[in-house]
Amino acid sequence: MSRRYWLLYPAWIAICVVLFVALRGADDPSRPRGRVLSNDAAVIAVRALRQEPQYRGYEAVHVALNDDHRRWIVLCDAVPHTALERAVVVELDARDGKLLVIRKPVH
């Protein structure tokens, strides 16, 4: 009887491997379709900032989706960090990541 249970472990591992390979390229059902992911929004925002000479040393410190889910709001600060004294906000279209505006944060 213990021999039969011992065979369940390799069978379970084989099932997990098959599912891992089969679902490798599948969409994540917890993320809405048609929207840039937050990590990608941060990368896009920093890339847009670095095209401007005065923002070359900036990095993303926080990313948030606005209330209507249409824009990513990316807070960026200079490196080394300035306690947000030189911070800027980059707004991106949530669907395609298009740059909407670069502005100072509202206090």
PDB file of N, CA and C in Angstrom:
ATOM      1  N   MET A   1       0.819  -1.188   0.000  1.00  0.00           N
ATOM      2  CA  MET A   1       0.000   0.000   0.000  1.00  0.00           C
ATOM      3  C   MET A   1       0.869   1.261   0.000  1.00  0.00           C
ATOM      4  N   SER A   2       1.949   1.306   0.729  1.00  0.00           N
ATOM      5  CA  SER A   2       2.818   2.474   0.739  1.00  0.00           C
ATOM      6  C   SER A   2       3.493   2.671  -0.618  1.00  0.00           C
ATOM      7  N   ARG A   3       3.694   1.603  -1.355  1.00  0.00           N
ATOM      8  CA  ARG A   3       4.303   1.689  -2.688  1.00  0.00           C
ATOM      9  C   ARG A   3       3.413   2.505  -3.630  1.00  0.00           C
ATOM     10  N   ARG A   4       2.110   2.343  -3.525  1.00  0.00           N
ATOM     11  CA  ARG A   4       1.177   3.062  -4.385  1.00  0.00           C
ATOM     12  C   ARG A   4       1.224   4.570  -4.094  1.00  0.00           C
ATOM     13  N   TYR A   5       1.300   4.960  -2.820  1.00  0.00           N
ATOM     14  CA  TYR A   5       1.392   6.364  -2.476  1.00  0.00           C
ATOM     15  C   TYR A   5       2.727   6.967  -2.929  1.00  0.00           C
ATOM     16  N   TRP A   6       3.779   6.194  -2.900  1.00  0.00           N
ATOM     17  CA  TRP A   6       5.081   6.670  -3.341  1.00  0.00           C
ATOM     18  C   TRP A   6       5.039   7.066  -4.821  1.00  0.00           C
ATOM     19  N   LEU A   7       4.252   6.364  -5.608  1.00  0.00           N
ATOM     20  CA  LEU A   7       4.143   6.672  -7.036  1.00  0.00           C
ATOM     21  C   LEU A   7       3.334   7.945  -7.309  1.00  0.00           C
ATOM     22  N   LEU A   8       2.563   8.399  -6.327  1.00  0.00           N
ATOM     23  CA  LEU A   8       1.792   9.626  -6.516  1.00  0.00           C
ATOM     24  C   LEU A   8       2.699  10.857  -6.623  1.00  0.00           C
ATOM     25  N   TYR A   9       3.822  10.862  -5.925  1.00  0.00           N
ATOM     26  CA  TYR A   9       4.717  12.023  -5.959  1.00  0.00           C
ATOM     27  C   TYR A   9       5.278  12.273  -7.358  1.00  0.00           C
ATOM     28  N   PRO A  10       5.870  11.290  -8.011  1.00  0.00           N
ATOM     29  CA  PRO A  10       6.346  11.558  -9.381  1.00  0.00           C
ATOM     30  C   PRO A  10       5.205  11.885 -10.350  1.00  0.00           C
ATOM     31  N   ALA A  11       4.037  11.284 -10.132  1.00  0.00           N
ATOM     32  CA  ALA A  11       2.888  11.585 -10.992  1.00  0.00           C
ATOM     33  C   ALA A  11       2.454  13.041 -10.807  1.00  0.00           C
ATOM     34  N   TRP A  12       2.417  13.505  -9.562  1.00  0.00           N
ATOM     35  CA  TRP A  12       2.040  14.893  -9.280  1.00  0.00           C
ATOM     36  C   TRP A  12       3.059  15.869  -9.886  1.00  0.00           C
ATOM     37  N   ILE A  13       4.321  15.562  -9.769  1.00  0.00           N
ATOM     38  CA  ILE A  13       5.365  16.406 -10.359  1.00  0.00           C
ATOM     39  C   ILE A  13       5.218  16.449 -11.875  1.00  0.00           C
ATOM     40  N   ALA A  14       4.934  15.330 -12.494  1.00  0.00           N
ATOM     41  CA  ALA A  14       4.751  15.281 -13.951  1.00  0.00           C
ATOM     42  C   ALA A  14       3.549  16.125 -14.375  1.00  0.00           C
ATOM     43  N   ILE A  15       2.459  16.057 -13.622  1.00  0.00           N
ATOM     44  CA  ILE A  15       1.267  16.866 -13.930  1.00  0.00           C
ATOM     45  C   ILE A  15       1.603  18.353 -13.821  1.00  0.00           C
ATOM     46  N   CYS A  16       2.326  18.730 -12.779  1.00  0.00           N
ATOM     47  CA  CYS A  16       2.700  20.133 -12.598  1.00  0.00           C
ATOM     48  C   CYS A  16       3.596  20.626 -13.731  1.00  0.00           C
ATOM     49  N   VAL A  17       4.526  19.796 -14.169  1.00  0.00           N
ATOM     50  CA  VAL A  17       5.410  20.177 -15.269  1.00  0.00           C
ATOM     51  C   VAL A  17       4.610  20.376 -16.546  1.00  0.00           C
ATOM     52  N   VAL A  18       3.695  19.470 -16.834  1.00  0.00           N
ATOM     53  CA  VAL A  18       2.871  19.579 -18.039  1.00  0.00           C
ATOM     54  C   VAL A  18       2.027  20.854 -17.987  1.00  0.00           C
ATOM     55  N   LEU A  19       1.411  21.134 -16.843  1.00  0.00           N
ATOM     56  CA  LEU A  19       0.600  22.349 -16.720  1.00  0.00           C
ATOM     57  C   LEU A  19       1.453  23.609 -16.830  1.00  0.00           C
ATOM     58  N   PHE A  20       2.643  23.592 -16.247  1.00  0.00           N
ATOM     59  CA  PHE A  20       3.536  24.744 -16.335  1.00  0.00           C
ATOM     60  C   PHE A  20       3.892  25.042 -17.789  1.00  0.00           C
ATOM     61  N   VAL A  21       4.231  24.034 -18.538  1.00  0.00           N
ATOM     62  CA  VAL A  21       4.602  24.226 -19.941  1.00  0.00           C
ATOM     63  C   VAL A  21       3.383  24.640 -20.760  1.00  0.00           C
ATOM     64  N   ALA A  22       2.232  24.031 -20.507  1.00  0.00           N
ATOM     65  CA  ALA A  22       1.034  24.328 -21.287  1.00  0.00           C
ATOM     66  C   ALA A  22       0.518  25.744 -21.031  1.00  0.00           C
ATOM     67  N   LEU A  23       0.659  26.251 -19.806  1.00  0.00           N
ATOM     68  CA  LEU A  23       0.109  27.559 -19.452  1.00  0.00           C
ATOM     69  C   LEU A  23       1.154  28.670 -19.472  1.00  0.00           C
ATOM     70  N   ARG A  24       2.314  28.381 -19.978  1.00  0.00           N
ATOM     71  CA  ARG A  24       3.427  29.332 -19.961  1.00  0.00           C
ATOM     72  C   ARG A  24       3.076  30.664 -20.622  1.00  0.00           C
ATOM     73  N   GLY A  25       2.415  30.680 -21.731  1.00  0.00           N
ATOM     74  CA  GLY A  25       2.113  31.921 -22.437  1.00  0.00           C
ATOM     75  C   GLY A  25       0.709  32.440 -22.207  1.00  0.00           C
ATOM     76  N   ALA A  26      -0.020  31.844 -21.285  1.00  0.00           N
ATOM     77  CA  ALA A  26      -1.417  32.233 -21.059  1.00  0.00           C
ATOM     78  C   ALA A  26      -1.504  33.588 -20.356  1.00  0.00           C
ATOM     79  N   ASP A  27      -2.576  34.314 -20.634  1.00  0.00           N
ATOM     80  CA  ASP A  27      -2.822  35.589 -19.964  1.00  0.00           C
ATOM     81  C   ASP A  27      -3.171  35.350 -18.506  1.00  0.00           C
ATOM     82  N   ASP A  28      -2.809  36.311 -17.679  1.00  0.00           N
ATOM     83  CA  ASP A  28      -3.136  36.253 -16.263  1.00  0.00           C
ATOM     84  C   ASP A  28      -4.585  36.706 -16.094  1.00  0.00           C
ATOM     85  N   PRO A  29      -5.487  35.845 -15.627  1.00  0.00           N
ATOM     86  CA  PRO A  29      -6.895  36.230 -15.517  1.00  0.00           C
ATOM     87  C   PRO A  29      -7.146  37.312 -14.473  1.00  0.00           C
ATOM     88  N   SER A  30      -6.214  37.557 -13.584  1.00  0.00           N
ATOM     89  CA  SER A  30      -6.408  38.586 -12.570  1.00  0.00           C
ATOM     90  C   SER A  30      -6.079  39.977 -13.091  1.00  0.00           C
ATOM     91  N   ARG A  31      -5.482  40.073 -14.272  1.00  0.00           N
ATOM     92  CA  ARG A  31      -5.140  41.375 -14.841  1.00  0.00           C
ATOM     93  C   ARG A  31      -6.065  41.677 -16.021  1.00  0.00           C
ATOM     94  N   PRO A  32      -6.639  42.875 -16.030  1.00  0.00           N
ATOM     95  CA  PRO A  32      -7.528  43.236 -17.131  1.00  0.00           C
ATOM     96  C   PRO A  32      -6.779  43.317 -18.455  1.00  0.00           C
ATOM     97  N   ARG A  33      -7.445  42.929 -19.509  1.00  0.00           N
ATOM     98  CA  ARG A  33      -6.858  43.044 -20.850  1.00  0.00           C
ATOM     99  C   ARG A  33      -6.933  44.478 -21.317  1.00  0.00           C
ATOM    100  N   GLY A  34      -6.027  44.825 -22.211  1.00  0.00           N
ATOM    101  CA  GLY A  34      -6.065  46.148 -22.811  1.00  0.00           C
ATOM    102  C   GLY A  34      -5.496  47.238 -21.929  1.00  0.00           C
ATOM    103  N   ARG A  35      -4.633  46.867 -20.971  1.00  0.00           N
ATOM    104  CA  ARG A  35      -4.042  47.881 -20.108  1.00  0.00           C
ATOM    105  C   ARG A  35      -2.573  47.557 -19.881  1.00  0.00           C
ATOM    106  N   VAL A  36      -1.739  48.583 -19.919  1.00  0.00           N
ATOM    107  CA  VAL A  36      -0.320  48.436 -19.634  1.00  0.00           C
ATOM    108  C   VAL A  36      -0.174  48.042 -18.167  1.00  0.00           C
ATOM    109  N   LEU A  37       0.738  47.139 -17.866  1.00  0.00           N
ATOM    110  CA  LEU A  37       0.971  46.733 -16.485  1.00  0.00           C
ATOM    111  C   LEU A  37       1.749  47.815 -15.743  1.00  0.00           C
ATOM    112  N   SER A  38       1.651  47.832 -14.430  1.00  0.00           N
ATOM    113  CA  SER A  38       2.284  48.879 -13.631  1.00  0.00           C
ATOM    114  C   SER A  38       3.805  48.884 -13.790  1.00  0.00           C
ATOM    115  N   ASN A  39       4.422  47.702 -13.834  1.00  0.00           N
ATOM    116  CA  ASN A  39       5.881  47.649 -14.029  1.00  0.00           C
ATOM    117  C   ASN A  39       6.272  48.242 -15.371  1.00  0.00           C
ATOM    118  N   ASP A  40       5.491  47.936 -16.400  1.00  0.00           N
ATOM    119  CA  ASP A  40       5.774  48.484 -17.724  1.00  0.00           C
ATOM    120  C   ASP A  40       5.551  49.998 -17.748  1.00  0.00           C
ATOM    121  N   ALA A  41       4.544  50.470 -17.011  1.00  0.00           N
ATOM    122  CA  ALA A  41       4.283  51.908 -16.944  1.00  0.00           C
ATOM    123  C   ALA A  41       5.474  52.633 -16.330  1.00  0.00           C
ATOM    124  N   ALA A  42       6.080  52.061 -15.301  1.00  0.00           N
ATOM    125  CA  ALA A  42       7.256  52.673 -14.680  1.00  0.00           C
ATOM    126  C   ALA A  42       8.413  52.749 -15.666  1.00  0.00           C
ATOM    127  N   VAL A  43       8.642  51.689 -16.410  1.00  0.00           N
ATOM    128  CA  VAL A  43       9.732  51.667 -17.396  1.00  0.00           C
ATOM    129  C   VAL A  43       9.483  52.695 -18.500  1.00  0.00           C
ATOM    130  N   ILE A  44       8.261  52.775 -18.980  1.00  0.00           N
ATOM    131  CA  ILE A  44       7.917  53.738 -20.034  1.00  0.00           C
ATOM    132  C   ILE A  44       8.104  55.166 -19.529  1.00  0.00           C
ATOM    133  N   ALA A  45       7.669  55.433 -18.302  1.00  0.00           N
ATOM    134  CA  ALA A  45       7.783  56.777 -17.736  1.00  0.00           C
ATOM    135  C   ALA A  45       9.241  57.194 -17.594  1.00  0.00           C
ATOM    136  N   VAL A  46      10.079  56.305 -17.083  1.00  0.00           N
ATOM    137  CA  VAL A  46      11.499  56.635 -16.913  1.00  0.00           C
ATOM    138  C   VAL A  46      12.157  56.824 -18.268  1.00  0.00           C
ATOM    139  N   ARG A  47      11.800  56.003 -19.238  1.00  0.00           N
ATOM    140  CA  ARG A  47      12.358  56.158 -20.587  1.00  0.00           C
ATOM    141  C   ARG A  47      11.966  57.517 -21.168  1.00  0.00           C
ATOM    142  N   ALA A  48      10.720  57.937 -20.958  1.00  0.00           N
ATOM    143  CA  ALA A  48      10.277  59.244 -21.463  1.00  0.00           C
ATOM    144  C   ALA A  48      11.007  60.380 -20.756  1.00  0.00           C
ATOM    145  N   LEU A  49      11.213  60.242 -19.450  1.00  0.00           N
ATOM    146  CA  LEU A  49      11.931  61.281 -18.703  1.00  0.00           C
ATOM    147  C   LEU A  49      13.373  61.409 -19.162  1.00  0.00           C
ATOM    148  N   ARG A  50      14.025  60.304 -19.377  1.00  0.00           N
ATOM    149  CA  ARG A  50      15.447  60.323 -19.716  1.00  0.00           C
ATOM    150  C   ARG A  50      15.725  60.903 -21.102  1.00  0.00           C
ATOM    151  N   GLN A  51      14.691  61.120 -21.891  1.00  0.00           N
ATOM    152  CA  GLN A  51      14.873  61.783 -23.177  1.00  0.00           C
ATOM    153  C   GLN A  51      15.062  63.286 -23.002  1.00  0.00           C
ATOM    154  N   GLU A  52      14.669  63.800 -21.829  1.00  0.00           N
ATOM    155  CA  GLU A  52      14.847  65.216 -21.511  1.00  0.00           C
ATOM    156  C   GLU A  52      16.124  65.361 -20.679  1.00  0.00           C
ATOM    157  N   PRO A  53      17.042  66.256 -21.055  1.00  0.00           N
ATOM    158  CA  PRO A  53      18.323  66.363 -20.350  1.00  0.00           C
ATOM    159  C   PRO A  53      18.195  66.620 -18.843  1.00  0.00           C
ATOM    160  N   GLN A  54      17.221  67.408 -18.413  1.00  0.00           N
ATOM    161  CA  GLN A  54      17.108  67.735 -16.998  1.00  0.00           C
ATOM    162  C   GLN A  54      16.589  66.573 -16.150  1.00  0.00           C
ATOM    163  N   TYR A  55      16.100  65.507 -16.784  1.00  0.00           N
ATOM    164  CA  TYR A  55      15.538  64.365 -16.042  1.00  0.00           C
ATOM    165  C   TYR A  55      16.334  63.080 -16.242  1.00  0.00           C
ATOM    166  N   ARG A  56      17.559  63.147 -16.690  1.00  0.00           N
ATOM    167  CA  ARG A  56      18.317  61.923 -16.991  1.00  0.00           C
ATOM    168  C   ARG A  56      18.620  61.067 -15.778  1.00  0.00           C
ATOM    169  N   GLY A  57      18.726  61.664 -14.602  1.00  0.00           N
ATOM    170  CA  GLY A  57      19.060  60.900 -13.405  1.00  0.00           C
ATOM    171  C   GLY A  57      17.852  60.551 -12.559  1.00  0.00           C
ATOM    172  N   TYR A  58      16.699  60.361 -13.154  1.00  0.00           N
ATOM    173  CA  TYR A  58      15.472  60.083 -12.404  1.00  0.00           C
ATOM    174  C   TYR A  58      15.113  58.596 -12.471  1.00  0.00           C
ATOM    175  N   GLU A  59      14.364  58.156 -11.451  1.00  0.00           N
ATOM    176  CA  GLU A  59      13.815  56.792 -11.451  1.00  0.00           C
ATOM    177  C   GLU A  59      12.412  56.815 -10.855  1.00  0.00           C
ATOM    178  N   ALA A  60      11.629  55.818 -11.187  1.00  0.00           N
ATOM    179  CA  ALA A  60      10.264  55.711 -10.678  1.00  0.00           C
ATOM    180  C   ALA A  60      10.302  55.272  -9.219  1.00  0.00           C
ATOM    181  N   VAL A  61       9.516  55.956  -8.390  1.00  0.00           N
ATOM    182  CA  VAL A  61       9.449  55.580  -6.974  1.00  0.00           C
ATOM    183  C   VAL A  61       8.063  55.088  -6.570  1.00  0.00           C
ATOM    184  N   HIS A  62       7.045  55.393  -7.376  1.00  0.00           N
ATOM    185  CA  HIS A  62       5.690  54.896  -7.084  1.00  0.00           C
ATOM    186  C   HIS A  62       4.854  54.957  -8.351  1.00  0.00           C
ATOM    187  N   VAL A  63       4.006  53.957  -8.522  1.00  0.00           N
ATOM    188  CA  VAL A  63       3.111  53.896  -9.678  1.00  0.00           C
ATOM    189  C   VAL A  63       1.701  53.627  -9.172  1.00  0.00           C
ATOM    190  N   ALA A  64       0.723  54.391  -9.684  1.00  0.00           N
ATOM    191  CA  ALA A  64      -0.664  54.197  -9.284  1.00  0.00           C
ATOM    192  C   ALA A  64      -1.579  54.419 -10.481  1.00  0.00           C
ATOM    193  N   LEU A  65      -2.682  53.707 -10.488  1.00  0.00           N
ATOM    194  CA  LEU A  65      -3.712  53.878 -11.511  1.00  0.00           C
ATOM    195  C   LEU A  65      -4.705  54.908 -10.991  1.00  0.00           C
ATOM    196  N   ASN A  66      -5.087  55.888 -11.819  1.00  0.00           N
ATOM    197  CA  ASN A  66      -6.016  56.907 -11.323  1.00  0.00           C
ATOM    198  C   ASN A  66      -7.399  56.307 -11.112  1.00  0.00           C
ATOM    199  N   ASP A  67      -8.297  57.089 -10.545  1.00  0.00           N
ATOM    200  CA  ASP A  67      -9.610  56.585 -10.126  1.00  0.00           C
ATOM    201  C   ASP A  67     -10.462  56.033 -11.265  1.00  0.00           C
ATOM    202  N   ASP A  68     -10.353  56.615 -12.452  1.00  0.00           N
ATOM    203  CA  ASP A  68     -11.172  56.116 -13.570  1.00  0.00           C
ATOM    204  C   ASP A  68     -10.451  55.048 -14.399  1.00  0.00           C
ATOM    205  N   HIS A  69      -9.259  54.610 -13.940  1.00  0.00           N
ATOM    206  CA  HIS A  69      -8.494  53.528 -14.581  1.00  0.00           C
ATOM    207  C   HIS A  69      -8.082  53.850 -16.014  1.00  0.00           C
ATOM    208  N   ARG A  70      -7.932  55.129 -16.319  1.00  0.00           N
ATOM    209  CA  ARG A  70      -7.542  55.514 -17.677  1.00  0.00           C
ATOM    210  C   ARG A  70      -6.096  55.993 -17.776  1.00  0.00           C
ATOM    211  N   ARG A  71      -5.497  56.340 -16.631  1.00  0.00           N
ATOM    212  CA  ARG A  71      -4.147  56.876 -16.647  1.00  0.00           C
ATOM    213  C   ARG A  71      -3.305  56.246 -15.547  1.00  0.00           C
ATOM    214  N   TRP A  72      -2.044  55.978 -15.893  1.00  0.00           N
ATOM    215  CA  TRP A  72      -1.059  55.608 -14.888  1.00  0.00           C
ATOM    216  C   TRP A  72      -0.416  56.890 -14.408  1.00  0.00           C
ATOM    217  N   ILE A  73      -0.296  57.039 -13.098  1.00  0.00           N
ATOM    218  CA  ILE A  73       0.375  58.174 -12.482  1.00  0.00           C
ATOM    219  C   ILE A  73       1.681  57.628 -11.914  1.00  0.00           C
ATOM    220  N   VAL A  74       2.816  58.068 -12.463  1.00  0.00           N
ATOM    221  CA  VAL A  74       4.124  57.551 -12.057  1.00  0.00           C
ATOM    222  C   VAL A  74       4.892  58.693 -11.391  1.00  0.00           C
ATOM    223  N   LEU A  75       5.200  58.507 -10.109  1.00  0.00           N
ATOM    224  CA  LEU A  75       5.980  59.483  -9.369  1.00  0.00           C
ATOM    225  C   LEU A  75       7.453  59.131  -9.529  1.00  0.00           C
ATOM    226  N   CYS A  76       8.242  60.099  -9.967  1.00  0.00           N
ATOM    227  CA  CYS A  76       9.668  59.882 -10.204  1.00  0.00           C
ATOM    228  C   CYS A  76      10.474  60.901  -9.408  1.00  0.00           C
ATOM    229  N   ASP A  77      11.631  60.480  -8.927  1.00  0.00           N
ATOM    230  CA  ASP A  77      12.498  61.358  -8.162  1.00  0.00           C
ATOM    231  C   ASP A  77      13.918  61.216  -8.665  1.00  0.00           C
ATOM    232  N   ALA A  78      14.709  62.262  -8.438  1.00  0.00           N
ATOM    233  CA  ALA A  78      16.110  62.255  -8.851  1.00  0.00           C
ATOM    234  C   ALA A  78      16.893  61.256  -8.008  1.00  0.00           C
ATOM    235  N   VAL A  79      17.985  60.761  -8.580  1.00  0.00           N
ATOM    236  CA  VAL A  79      18.889  59.856  -7.870  1.00  0.00           C
ATOM    237  C   VAL A  79      20.199  60.592  -7.656  1.00  0.00           C
ATOM    238  N   PRO A  80      20.753  60.693  -6.456  1.00  0.00           N
ATOM    239  CA  PRO A  80      20.201  60.157  -5.214  1.00  0.00           C
ATOM    240  C   PRO A  80      18.902  60.870  -4.856  1.00  0.00           C
ATOM    241  N   HIS A  81      18.054  60.157  -4.127  1.00  0.00           N
ATOM    242  CA  HIS A  81      16.711  60.664  -3.829  1.00  0.00           C
ATOM    243  C   HIS A  81      16.768  61.985  -3.071  1.00  0.00           C
ATOM    244  N   THR A  82      15.828  62.854  -3.404  1.00  0.00           N
ATOM    245  CA  THR A  82      15.795  64.209  -2.860  1.00  0.00           C
ATOM    246  C   THR A  82      14.642  64.419  -1.894  1.00  0.00           C
ATOM    247  N   ALA A  83      14.087  63.345  -1.350  1.00  0.00           N
ATOM    248  CA  ALA A  83      12.902  63.434  -0.482  1.00  0.00           C
ATOM    249  C   ALA A  83      11.763  64.133  -1.229  1.00  0.00           C
ATOM    250  N   LEU A  84      11.681  63.873  -2.507  1.00  0.00           N
ATOM    251  CA  LEU A  84      10.653  64.375  -3.415  1.00  0.00           C
ATOM    252  C   LEU A  84      10.722  65.884  -3.654  1.00  0.00           C
ATOM    253  N   GLU A  85      11.827  66.520  -3.299  1.00  0.00           N
ATOM    254  CA  GLU A  85      11.968  67.954  -3.569  1.00  0.00           C
ATOM    255  C   GLU A  85      12.066  68.237  -5.060  1.00  0.00           C
ATOM    256  N   ARG A  86      12.698  67.338  -5.800  1.00  0.00           N
ATOM    257  CA  ARG A  86      12.829  67.512  -7.255  1.00  0.00           C
ATOM    258  C   ARG A  86      11.956  66.519  -8.013  1.00  0.00           C
ATOM    259  N   ALA A  87      10.957  65.971  -7.350  1.00  0.00           N
ATOM    260  CA  ALA A  87      10.102  64.940  -7.945  1.00  0.00           C
ATOM    261  C   ALA A  87       9.260  65.500  -9.090  1.00  0.00           C
ATOM    262  N   VAL A  88       8.920  64.611 -10.011  1.00  0.00           N
ATOM    263  CA  VAL A  88       7.993  64.929 -11.092  1.00  0.00           C
ATOM    264  C   VAL A  88       7.009  63.784 -11.223  1.00  0.00           C
ATOM    265  N   VAL A  89       5.864  64.089 -11.793  1.00  0.00           N
ATOM    266  CA  VAL A  89       4.830  63.093 -12.048  1.00  0.00           C
ATOM    267  C   VAL A  89       4.716  62.915 -13.555  1.00  0.00           C
ATOM    268  N   VAL A  90       4.720  61.669 -13.974  1.00  0.00           N
ATOM    269  CA  VAL A  90       4.533  61.341 -15.387  1.00  0.00           C
ATOM    270  C   VAL A  90       3.187  60.647 -15.513  1.00  0.00           C
ATOM    271  N   GLU A  91       2.331  61.177 -16.361  1.00  0.00           N
ATOM    272  CA  GLU A  91       1.024  60.558 -16.601  1.00  0.00           C
ATOM    273  C   GLU A  91       1.049  59.864 -17.952  1.00  0.00           C
ATOM    274  N   LEU A  92       0.608  58.603 -17.945  1.00  0.00           N
ATOM    275  CA  LEU A  92       0.583  57.787 -19.160  1.00  0.00           C
ATOM    276  C   LEU A  92      -0.822  57.272 -19.409  1.00  0.00           C
ATOM    277  N   ASP A  93      -1.161  57.108 -20.679  1.00  0.00           N
ATOM    278  CA  ASP A  93      -2.419  56.463 -21.038  1.00  0.00           C
ATOM    279  C   ASP A  93      -2.333  55.002 -20.606  1.00  0.00           C
ATOM    280  N   ALA A  94      -3.323  54.518 -19.879  1.00  0.00           N
ATOM    281  CA  ALA A  94      -3.275  53.154 -19.338  1.00  0.00           C
ATOM    282  C   ALA A  94      -3.411  52.096 -20.422  1.00  0.00           C
ATOM    283  N   ARG A  95      -4.017  52.431 -21.548  1.00  0.00           N
ATOM    284  CA  ARG A  95      -4.208  51.430 -22.611  1.00  0.00           C
ATOM    285  C   ARG A  95      -2.954  51.170 -23.417  1.00  0.00           C
ATOM    286  N   ASP A  96      -2.260  52.237 -23.806  1.00  0.00           N
ATOM    287  CA  ASP A  96      -1.122  52.047 -24.716  1.00  0.00           C
ATOM    288  C   ASP A  96       0.200  52.585 -24.169  1.00  0.00           C
ATOM    289  N   GLY A  97       0.180  53.217 -22.995  1.00  0.00           N
ATOM    290  CA  GLY A  97       1.404  53.738 -22.413  1.00  0.00           C
ATOM    291  C   GLY A  97       1.882  55.040 -23.027  1.00  0.00           C
ATOM    292  N   LYS A  98       1.044  55.699 -23.793  1.00  0.00           N
ATOM    293  CA  LYS A  98       1.412  56.961 -24.442  1.00  0.00           C
ATOM    294  C   LYS A  98       1.585  58.049 -23.381  1.00  0.00           C
ATOM    295  N   LEU A  99       2.658  58.833 -23.520  1.00  0.00           N
ATOM    296  CA  LEU A  99       2.934  59.925 -22.595  1.00  0.00           C
ATOM    297  C   LEU A  99       1.855  60.989 -22.721  1.00  0.00           C
ATOM    298  N   LEU A 100       1.238  61.348 -21.588  1.00  0.00           N
ATOM    299  CA  LEU A 100       0.224  62.395 -21.585  1.00  0.00           C
ATOM    300  C   LEU A 100       0.802  63.719 -21.096  1.00  0.00           C
ATOM    301  N   VAL A 101       1.501  63.685 -19.953  1.00  0.00           N
ATOM    302  CA  VAL A 101       2.041  64.924 -19.394  1.00  0.00           C
ATOM    303  C   VAL A 101       3.141  64.616 -18.380  1.00  0.00           C
ATOM    304  N   ILE A 102       4.104  65.540 -18.310  1.00  0.00           N
ATOM    305  CA  ILE A 102       5.101  65.523 -17.242  1.00  0.00           C
ATOM    306  C   ILE A 102       4.864  66.799 -16.447  1.00  0.00           C
ATOM    307  N   ARG A 103       4.654  66.638 -15.118  1.00  0.00           N
ATOM    308  CA  ARG A 103       4.316  67.805 -14.304  1.00  0.00           C
ATOM    309  C   ARG A 103       4.919  67.662 -12.911  1.00  0.00           C
ATOM    310  N   LYS A 104       4.868  68.744 -12.169  1.00  0.00           N
ATOM    311  CA  LYS A 104       5.271  68.732 -10.769  1.00  0.00           C
ATOM    312  C   LYS A 104       4.143  68.086  -9.957  1.00  0.00           C
ATOM    313  N   PRO A 105       4.469  67.414  -8.853  1.00  0.00           N
ATOM    314  CA  PRO A 105       3.414  66.839  -8.027  1.00  0.00           C
ATOM    315  C   PRO A 105       2.577  67.932  -7.337  1.00  0.00           C
ATOM    316  N   VAL A 106       1.331  67.620  -7.085  1.00  0.00           N
ATOM    317  CA  VAL A 106       0.431  68.524  -6.377  1.00  0.00           C
ATOM    318  C   VAL A 106       0.522  68.190  -4.896  1.00  0.00           C
ATOM    319  N   HIS A 107       0.777  69.176  -4.068  1.00  0.00           N
ATOM    320  CA  HIS A 107       0.923  68.934  -2.624  1.00  0.00           C
ATOM    321  C   HIS A 107      -0.369  69.088  -1.916  1.00  0.00           C
TER     322      HIS A 107
END
